[in-house]
Amino acid sequence: LVESGGGLVQAGGSLRLSCATPETIF
């Protein structure tokens, strides 16, 4: 599973994480 979108943010901020599955096991 390939994750992305993490990082450093200040309190009150926003982030969006994504996770892709390369196979048909969703």
PDB file of all heavy atoms in Angstrom:
ATOM      1  N   LEU A   1       0.859  -1.173   0.000  1.00  0.00           N
ATOM      2  CA  LEU A   1       0.000   0.000   0.000  1.00  0.00           C
ATOM      3  C   LEU A   1       0.899   1.228   0.000  1.00  0.00           C
ATOM      4  O   LEU A   1       1.823   1.318   0.812  1.00  0.00           O
ATOM      5  CB  LEU A   1      -0.897   0.016   1.230  1.00  0.00           C
ATOM      6  CG  LEU A   1      -1.714  -1.243   1.506  1.00  0.00           C
ATOM      7  CD1 LEU A   1      -2.646  -1.018   2.688  1.00  0.00           C
ATOM      8  CD2 LEU A   1      -2.488  -1.672   0.283  1.00  0.00           C
ATOM      9  N   VAL A   2       0.631   2.151  -0.884  1.00  0.00           N
ATOM     10  CA  VAL A   2       1.497   3.318  -1.050  1.00  0.00           C
ATOM     11  C   VAL A   2       0.826   4.536  -0.427  1.00  0.00           C
ATOM     12  O   VAL A   2      -0.209   5.006  -0.923  1.00  0.00           O
ATOM     13  CB  VAL A   2       1.785   3.573  -2.534  1.00  0.00           C
ATOM     14  CG1 VAL A   2       2.695   4.783  -2.688  1.00  0.00           C
ATOM     15  CG2 VAL A   2       2.425   2.332  -3.171  1.00  0.00           C
ATOM     16  N   GLU A   3       1.423   5.036   0.643  1.00  0.00           N
ATOM     17  CA  GLU A   3       0.882   6.182   1.358  1.00  0.00           C
ATOM     18  C   GLU A   3       1.634   7.441   0.986  1.00  0.00           C
ATOM     19  O   GLU A   3       2.828   7.405   0.676  1.00  0.00           O
ATOM     20  CB  GLU A   3       0.988   5.948   2.865  1.00  0.00           C
ATOM     21  CG  GLU A   3       0.256   4.718   3.349  1.00  0.00           C
ATOM     22  CD  GLU A   3       0.622   4.373   4.764  1.00  0.00           C
ATOM     23  OE1 GLU A   3       1.378   5.154   5.385  1.00  0.00           O
ATOM     24  OE2 GLU A   3       0.164   3.343   5.256  1.00  0.00           O
ATOM     25  N   SER A   4       0.930   8.559   1.092  1.00  0.00           N
ATOM     26  CA  SER A   4       1.563   9.856   0.857  1.00  0.00           C
ATOM     27  C   SER A   4       0.761  10.927   1.568  1.00  0.00           C
ATOM     28  O   SER A   4      -0.372  10.690   2.002  1.00  0.00           O
ATOM     29  CB  SER A   4       1.644  10.152  -0.639  1.00  0.00           C
ATOM     30  OG  SER A   4       0.351  10.186  -1.212  1.00  0.00           O
ATOM     31  N   GLY A   5       1.361  12.107   1.704  1.00  0.00           N
ATOM     32  CA  GLY A   5       0.641  13.257   2.225  1.00  0.00           C
ATOM     33  C   GLY A   5       1.016  13.690   3.620  1.00  0.00           C
ATOM     34  O   GLY A   5       0.529  14.723   4.091  1.00  0.00           O
ATOM     35  N   GLY A   6       1.857  12.937   4.301  1.00  0.00           N
ATOM     36  CA  GLY A   6       2.264  13.360   5.634  1.00  0.00           C
ATOM     37  C   GLY A   6       3.187  14.557   5.585  1.00  0.00           C
ATOM     38  O   GLY A   6       3.618  14.999   4.514  1.00  0.00           O
ATOM     39  N   GLY A   7       3.479  15.107   6.765  1.00  0.00           N
ATOM     40  CA  GLY A   7       4.387  16.239   6.820  1.00  0.00           C
ATOM     41  C   GLY A   7       4.269  16.988   8.124  1.00  0.00           C
ATOM     42  O   GLY A   7       3.708  16.495   9.095  1.00  0.00           O
ATOM     43  N   LEU A   8       4.822  18.191   8.115  1.00  0.00           N
ATOM     44  CA  LEU A   8       4.824  19.068   9.282  1.00  0.00           C
ATOM     45  C   LEU A   8       3.831  20.196   9.055  1.00  0.00           C
ATOM     46  O   LEU A   8       3.841  20.843   7.998  1.00  0.00           O
ATOM     47  CB  LEU A   8       6.229  19.641   9.501  1.00  0.00           C
ATOM     48  CG  LEU A   8       6.390  20.700  10.590  1.00  0.00           C
ATOM     49  CD1 LEU A   8       6.077  20.118  11.957  1.00  0.00           C
ATOM     50  CD2 LEU A   8       7.802  21.270  10.547  1.00  0.00           C
ATOM     51  N   VAL A   9       2.979  20.432  10.044  1.00  0.00           N
ATOM     52  CA  VAL A   9       1.971  21.473   9.928  1.00  0.00           C
ATOM     53  C   VAL A   9       1.775  22.122  11.288  1.00  0.00           C
ATOM     54  O   VAL A   9       1.992  21.482  12.324  1.00  0.00           O
ATOM     55  CB  VAL A   9       0.648  20.883   9.394  1.00  0.00           C
ATOM     56  CG1 VAL A   9       0.050  19.900  10.366  1.00  0.00           C
ATOM     57  CG2 VAL A   9      -0.343  21.970   9.029  1.00  0.00           C
ATOM     58  N   GLN A  10       1.380  23.371  11.284  1.00  0.00           N
ATOM     59  CA  GLN A  10       1.102  24.058  12.539  1.00  0.00           C
ATOM     60  C   GLN A  10      -0.282  23.665  13.061  1.00  0.00           C
ATOM     61  O   GLN A  10      -1.169  23.268  12.293  1.00  0.00           O
ATOM     62  CB  GLN A  10       1.164  25.560  12.343  1.00  0.00           C
ATOM     63  CG  GLN A  10       2.571  26.107  12.146  1.00  0.00           C
ATOM     64  CD  GLN A  10       2.610  27.615  12.134  1.00  0.00           C
ATOM     65  OE1 GLN A  10       1.637  28.281  11.784  1.00  0.00           O
ATOM     66  NE2 GLN A  10       3.748  28.181  12.531  1.00  0.00           N
ATOM     67  N   ALA A  11      -0.448  23.787  14.343  1.00  0.00           N
ATOM     68  CA  ALA A  11      -1.745  23.518  14.952  1.00  0.00           C
ATOM     69  C   ALA A  11      -2.818  24.364  14.277  1.00  0.00           C
ATOM     70  O   ALA A  11      -2.595  25.548  13.993  1.00  0.00           O
ATOM     71  CB  ALA A  11      -1.701  23.809  16.440  1.00  0.00           C
ATOM     72  N   GLY A  12      -3.963  23.719  14.022  1.00  0.00           N
ATOM     73  CA  GLY A  12      -5.044  24.390  13.310  1.00  0.00           C
ATOM     74  C   GLY A  12      -5.005  24.191  11.808  1.00  0.00           C
ATOM     75  O   GLY A  12      -5.982  24.517  11.113  1.00  0.00           O
ATOM     76  N   GLY A  13      -3.918  23.644  11.322  1.00  0.00           N
ATOM     77  CA  GLY A  13      -3.760  23.432   9.889  1.00  0.00           C
ATOM     78  C   GLY A  13      -4.396  22.137   9.414  1.00  0.00           C
ATOM     79  O   GLY A  13      -5.061  21.431  10.188  1.00  0.00           O
ATOM     80  N   SER A  14      -4.180  21.846   8.140  1.00  0.00           N
ATOM     81  CA  SER A  14      -4.795  20.680   7.508  1.00  0.00           C
ATOM     82  C   SER A  14      -3.761  19.886   6.722  1.00  0.00           C
ATOM     83  O   SER A  14      -2.766  20.439   6.229  1.00  0.00           O
ATOM     84  CB  SER A  14      -5.912  21.113   6.555  1.00  0.00           C
ATOM     85  OG  SER A  14      -6.941  21.791   7.238  1.00  0.00           O
ATOM     86  N   LEU A  15      -4.017  18.600   6.620  1.00  0.00           N
ATOM     87  CA  LEU A  15      -3.256  17.705   5.760  1.00  0.00           C
ATOM     88  C   LEU A  15      -4.214  16.694   5.161  1.00  0.00           C
ATOM     89  O   LEU A  15      -5.257  16.383   5.765  1.00  0.00           O
ATOM     90  CB  LEU A  15      -2.172  16.962   6.534  1.00  0.00           C
ATOM     91  CG  LEU A  15      -0.904  17.702   6.930  1.00  0.00           C
ATOM     92  CD1 LEU A  15      -0.031  16.822   7.822  1.00  0.00           C
ATOM     93  CD2 LEU A  15      -0.127  18.136   5.701  1.00  0.00           C
ATOM     94  N   ARG A  16      -3.829  16.179   4.001  1.00  0.00           N
ATOM     95  CA  ARG A  16      -4.620  15.121   3.373  1.00  0.00           C
ATOM     96  C   ARG A  16      -3.709  13.937   3.085  1.00  0.00           C
ATOM     97  O   ARG A  16      -2.739  14.063   2.327  1.00  0.00           O
ATOM     98  CB  ARG A  16      -5.248  15.610   2.080  1.00  0.00           C
ATOM     99  CG  ARG A  16      -6.248  14.633   1.472  1.00  0.00           C
ATOM    100  CD  ARG A  16      -6.536  15.016   0.039  1.00  0.00           C
ATOM    101  NE  ARG A  16      -7.719  14.369  -0.495  1.00  0.00           N
ATOM    102  CZ  ARG A  16      -7.947  14.207  -1.792  1.00  0.00           C
ATOM    103  NH1 ARG A  16      -7.070  14.648  -2.686  1.00  0.00           N
ATOM    104  NH2 ARG A  16      -9.052  13.618  -2.206  1.00  0.00           N
ATOM    105  N   LEU A  17      -4.033  12.804   3.677  1.00  0.00           N
ATOM    106  CA  LEU A  17      -3.275  11.581   3.443  1.00  0.00           C
ATOM    107  C   LEU A  17      -3.950  10.764   2.343  1.00  0.00           C
ATOM    108  O   LEU A  17      -5.178  10.756   2.233  1.00  0.00           O
ATOM    109  CB  LEU A  17      -3.183  10.743   4.721  1.00  0.00           C
ATOM    110  CG  LEU A  17      -2.631  11.425   5.957  1.00  0.00           C
ATOM    111  CD1 LEU A  17      -2.550  10.423   7.109  1.00  0.00           C
ATOM    112  CD2 LEU A  17      -1.280  12.044   5.693  1.00  0.00           C
ATOM    113  N   SER A  18      -3.134  10.089   1.565  1.00  0.00           N
ATOM    114  CA  SER A  18      -3.639   9.202   0.517  1.00  0.00           C
ATOM    115  C   SER A  18      -3.009   7.826   0.672  1.00  0.00           C
ATOM    116  O   SER A  18      -1.871   7.702   1.129  1.00  0.00           O
ATOM    117  CB  SER A  18      -3.299   9.747  -0.875  1.00  0.00           C
ATOM    118  OG  SER A  18      -3.868  11.003  -1.094  1.00  0.00           O
ATOM    119  N   CYS A  19      -3.742   6.825   0.276  1.00  0.00           N
ATOM    120  CA  CYS A  19      -3.227   5.455   0.308  1.00  0.00           C
ATOM    121  C   CYS A  19      -3.752   4.728  -0.923  1.00  0.00           C
ATOM    122  O   CYS A  19      -4.970   4.548  -1.074  1.00  0.00           O
ATOM    123  CB  CYS A  19      -3.656   4.750   1.585  1.00  0.00           C
ATOM    124  SG  CYS A  19      -3.246   2.999   1.639  1.00  0.00           S
ATOM    125  N   ALA A  20      -2.866   4.294  -1.771  1.00  0.00           N
ATOM    126  CA  ALA A  20      -3.242   3.593  -2.995  1.00  0.00           C
ATOM    127  C   ALA A  20      -2.877   2.123  -2.900  1.00  0.00           C
ATOM    128  O   ALA A  20      -1.798   1.770  -2.426  1.00  0.00           O
ATOM    129  CB  ALA A  20      -2.528   4.219  -4.191  1.00  0.00           C
ATOM    130  N   THR A  21      -3.786   1.279  -3.344  1.00  0.00           N
ATOM    131  CA  THR A  21      -3.517  -0.152  -3.396  1.00  0.00           C
ATOM    132  C   THR A  21      -3.240  -0.521  -4.840  1.00  0.00           C
ATOM    133  O   THR A  21      -4.054  -0.251  -5.715  1.00  0.00           O
ATOM    134  CB  THR A  21      -4.721  -0.970  -2.884  1.00  0.00           C
ATOM    135  OG1 THR A  21      -5.839  -0.738  -3.736  1.00  0.00           O
ATOM    136  CG2 THR A  21      -5.092  -0.573  -1.471  1.00  0.00           C
ATOM    137  N   PRO A  22      -2.099  -1.120  -5.115  1.00  0.00           N
ATOM    138  CA  PRO A  22      -1.738  -1.416  -6.496  1.00  0.00           C
ATOM    139  C   PRO A  22      -2.479  -2.607  -7.086  1.00  0.00           C
ATOM    140  O   PRO A  22      -2.496  -2.790  -8.277  1.00  0.00           O
ATOM    141  CB  PRO A  22      -0.245  -1.712  -6.413  1.00  0.00           C
ATOM    142  CG  PRO A  22      -0.044  -2.198  -5.027  1.00  0.00           C
ATOM    143  CD  PRO A  22      -1.038  -1.468  -4.171  1.00  0.00           C
ATOM    144  N   GLU A  23      -3.069  -3.401  -6.233  1.00  0.00           N
ATOM    145  CA  GLU A  23      -3.756  -4.578  -6.706  1.00  0.00           C
ATOM    146  C   GLU A  23      -5.269  -4.412  -6.523  1.00  0.00           C
ATOM    147  O   GLU A  23      -5.736  -3.494  -5.879  1.00  0.00           O
ATOM    148  CB  GLU A  23      -3.278  -5.826  -5.941  1.00  0.00           C
ATOM    149  CG  GLU A  23      -1.797  -6.041  -5.923  1.00  0.00           C
ATOM    150  CD  GLU A  23      -1.282  -6.551  -7.238  1.00  0.00           C
ATOM    151  OE1 GLU A  23      -2.108  -7.028  -8.040  1.00  0.00           O
ATOM    152  OE2 GLU A  23      -0.063  -6.466  -7.470  1.00  0.00           O
ATOM    153  N   THR A  24      -6.023  -5.358  -7.060  1.00  0.00           N
ATOM    154  CA  THR A  24      -7.486  -5.297  -6.928  1.00  0.00           C
ATOM    155  C   THR A  24      -7.906  -5.951  -5.622  1.00  0.00           C
ATOM    156  O   THR A  24      -8.595  -6.981  -5.616  1.00  0.00           O
ATOM    157  CB  THR A  24      -8.165  -5.971  -8.125  1.00  0.00           C
ATOM    158  OG1 THR A  24      -7.651  -7.312  -8.232  1.00  0.00           O
ATOM    159  CG2 THR A  24      -7.880  -5.217  -9.406  1.00  0.00           C
ATOM    160  N   ILE A  25      -7.472  -5.358  -4.520  1.00  0.00           N
ATOM    161  CA  ILE A  25      -7.818  -5.870  -3.192  1.00  0.00           C
ATOM    162  C   ILE A  25      -8.416  -4.768  -2.346  1.00  0.00           C
ATOM    163  O   ILE A  25      -8.230  -4.704  -1.149  1.00  0.00           O
ATOM    164  CB  ILE A  25      -6.575  -6.447  -2.474  1.00  0.00           C
ATOM    165  CG1 ILE A  25      -5.478  -5.385  -2.374  1.00  0.00           C
ATOM    166  CG2 ILE A  25      -6.053  -7.689  -3.187  1.00  0.00           C
ATOM    167  CD1 ILE A  25      -4.429  -5.702  -1.348  1.00  0.00           C
ATOM    168  N   PHE A  26      -9.137  -3.891  -2.979  1.00  0.00           N
ATOM    169  CA  PHE A  26      -9.626  -2.687  -2.323  1.00  0.00           C
ATOM    170  C   PHE A  26     -10.848  -3.027  -1.483  1.00  0.00           C
ATOM    171  O   PHE A  26     -11.973  -3.006  -1.966  1.00  0.00           O
ATOM    172  CB  PHE A  26      -9.938  -1.641  -3.393  1.00  0.00           C
ATOM    173  CG  PHE A  26     -10.022  -0.237  -2.888  1.00  0.00           C
ATOM    174  CD1 PHE A  26      -9.112   0.231  -1.968  1.00  0.00           C
ATOM    175  CD2 PHE A  26     -10.999   0.614  -3.358  1.00  0.00           C
ATOM    176  CE1 PHE A  26      -9.164   1.528  -1.513  1.00  0.00           C
ATOM    177  CE2 PHE A  26     -11.074   1.914  -2.914  1.00  0.00           C
ATOM    178  CZ  PHE A  26     -10.157   2.379  -1.988  1.00  0.00           C
TER     179      PHE A  26
END
